[in-house]
Amino acid sequence: MRSRRPGRGAASRCRHCPGAPPHRHSGPAYGYVIQGEIVFELEGEPERVVKAGEAFWEPGGDVIHYQDGNHLPDAESAFVVTMFCVPGRPMLEPVRAEELEERRDRRAPRP
């Protein structure tokens, strides 16, 4: 079946030490940790550790992705991710500090 709404997709291997700054994706993202452990946090959910062999996903759209950094202080972590986005929009959209402040009540309590 062919989609009437063309989109764009990308797959990549990510090696993270500090991780990306708070951002969002216009479409869903599906990931799988292939090495080490990452800290993963989406708006409205508590941060969690995703270990090698485990998967994660985010719905995209308006949800802020707060963190996806390496959880291990002395080892590298890596994951593969497939992302889809709305045509004409970037794969990753940074979130401004002002918006983070406006939406701080949507972030789960931090440990």
Protein backbone atom coordinates (compact mmCIF):
# COMPACT_ATOMS: atom_id res chain seq x y z
CA MET A 1 0.00 0.00 0.00
CA ARG A 2 1.43 3.38 -0.96
CA SER A 3 1.18 6.31 1.43
CA ARG A 4 -0.50 9.48 0.24
CA ARG A 5 1.59 11.50 2.69
CA PRO A 6 5.23 11.28 1.72
CA GLY A 7 7.63 11.39 4.61
CA ARG A 8 11.32 11.10 5.23
CA GLY A 9 13.20 8.50 7.21
CA ALA A 10 16.73 7.98 8.43
CA ALA A 11 18.66 5.30 10.26
CA SER A 12 21.92 5.88 12.08
CA ARG A 13 24.31 4.55 14.69
CA CYS A 14 24.84 6.96 17.57
CA ARG A 15 27.71 7.02 20.03
CA HIS A 16 26.94 9.28 22.93
CA CYS A 17 28.90 10.64 25.80
CA PRO A 18 26.86 13.64 26.95
CA GLY A 19 23.88 13.05 24.62
CA ALA A 20 21.81 15.54 22.64
CA PRO A 21 20.30 18.69 24.17
CA PRO A 22 16.50 18.71 24.76
CA HIS A 23 14.77 18.31 21.40
CA ARG A 24 11.82 16.81 19.56
CA HIS A 25 11.26 14.87 16.37
CA SER A 26 8.33 15.55 14.05
CA GLY A 27 7.75 11.80 13.68
CA PRO A 28 8.40 8.62 15.65
CA ALA A 29 11.84 7.26 16.50
CA TYR A 30 12.70 3.63 17.30
CA GLY A 31 16.01 2.71 18.90
CA TYR A 32 18.00 -0.29 20.10
CA VAL A 33 21.01 -0.11 22.43
CA ILE A 34 23.87 -2.16 20.98
CA GLN A 35 26.55 -1.33 23.56
CA GLY A 36 26.58 -0.11 27.14
CA GLU A 37 23.70 1.79 28.74
CA ILE A 38 21.97 5.08 28.00
CA VAL A 39 19.80 7.34 30.14
CA PHE A 40 16.56 8.01 28.27
CA GLU A 41 13.92 10.59 29.24
CA LEU A 42 10.80 11.78 27.46
CA GLU A 43 8.43 14.48 28.61
CA GLY A 44 5.95 13.10 31.15
CA GLU A 45 8.00 9.97 31.87
CA PRO A 46 10.70 9.40 34.48
CA GLU A 47 14.23 8.97 33.21
CA ARG A 48 15.24 5.36 32.78
CA VAL A 49 18.32 3.36 31.91
CA VAL A 50 18.16 1.38 28.66
CA LYS A 51 20.79 -1.38 28.51
CA ALA A 52 22.42 -3.20 25.60
CA GLY A 53 19.86 -5.54 24.06
CA GLU A 54 16.90 -3.33 25.01
CA ALA A 55 14.80 -1.06 22.80
CA PHE A 56 13.22 2.36 23.21
CA TRP A 57 10.86 4.53 21.19
CA GLU A 58 9.37 7.98 21.19
CA PRO A 59 6.17 9.07 19.50
CA GLY A 60 7.48 12.27 17.95
CA GLY A 61 5.35 15.35 17.50
CA ASP A 62 5.10 17.75 20.42
CA VAL A 63 6.80 15.51 23.03
CA ILE A 64 10.15 16.79 24.29
CA HIS A 65 13.02 14.30 24.40
CA TYR A 66 15.10 15.49 27.37
CA GLN A 67 18.04 13.12 27.38
CA ASP A 68 19.65 10.10 25.76
CA GLY A 69 23.19 10.22 27.11
CA ASN A 70 25.71 7.61 28.10
CA HIS A 71 24.94 6.22 31.55
CA LEU A 72 28.37 4.66 32.04
CA PRO A 73 31.18 6.86 33.42
CA ASP A 74 34.02 4.67 32.14
CA ALA A 75 32.73 2.97 28.98
CA GLU A 76 31.22 3.90 25.64
CA SER A 77 27.56 3.34 24.87
CA ALA A 78 25.96 3.18 21.43
CA PHE A 79 22.55 2.70 19.89
CA VAL A 80 20.97 2.45 16.46
CA VAL A 81 17.92 4.54 15.71
CA THR A 82 15.41 4.82 12.89
CA MET A 83 13.52 8.12 12.73
CA PHE A 84 10.70 9.34 10.54
CA CYS A 85 9.78 12.96 10.05
CA VAL A 86 7.23 15.20 8.44
CA PRO A 87 8.30 16.45 4.99
CA GLY A 88 9.92 19.86 5.15
CA ARG A 89 10.87 19.58 8.83
CA PRO A 90 14.26 18.63 10.25
CA MET A 91 14.86 15.25 11.91
CA LEU A 92 15.84 16.91 15.18
CA GLU A 93 14.43 20.23 16.43
CA PRO A 94 16.17 21.77 19.48
CA VAL A 95 13.86 23.11 22.20
CA ARG A 96 14.48 26.68 23.38
CA ALA A 97 15.17 27.37 27.06
CA GLU A 98 12.02 29.52 27.26
CA GLU A 99 9.83 26.63 26.12
CA LEU A 100 11.51 24.25 28.58
CA GLU A 101 10.63 26.69 31.35
CA GLU A 102 7.02 27.05 30.15
CA ARG A 103 6.58 23.26 30.13
CA ARG A 104 8.54 22.37 33.27
CA ASP A 105 5.35 21.03 34.93
CA ARG A 106 5.18 18.31 32.23
CA ARG A 107 8.57 16.87 33.16
CA ALA A 108 8.53 13.91 35.53
CA PRO A 109 10.20 14.42 38.93
CA ARG A 110 13.94 13.87 38.75
CA PRO A 111 15.75 11.38 41.03
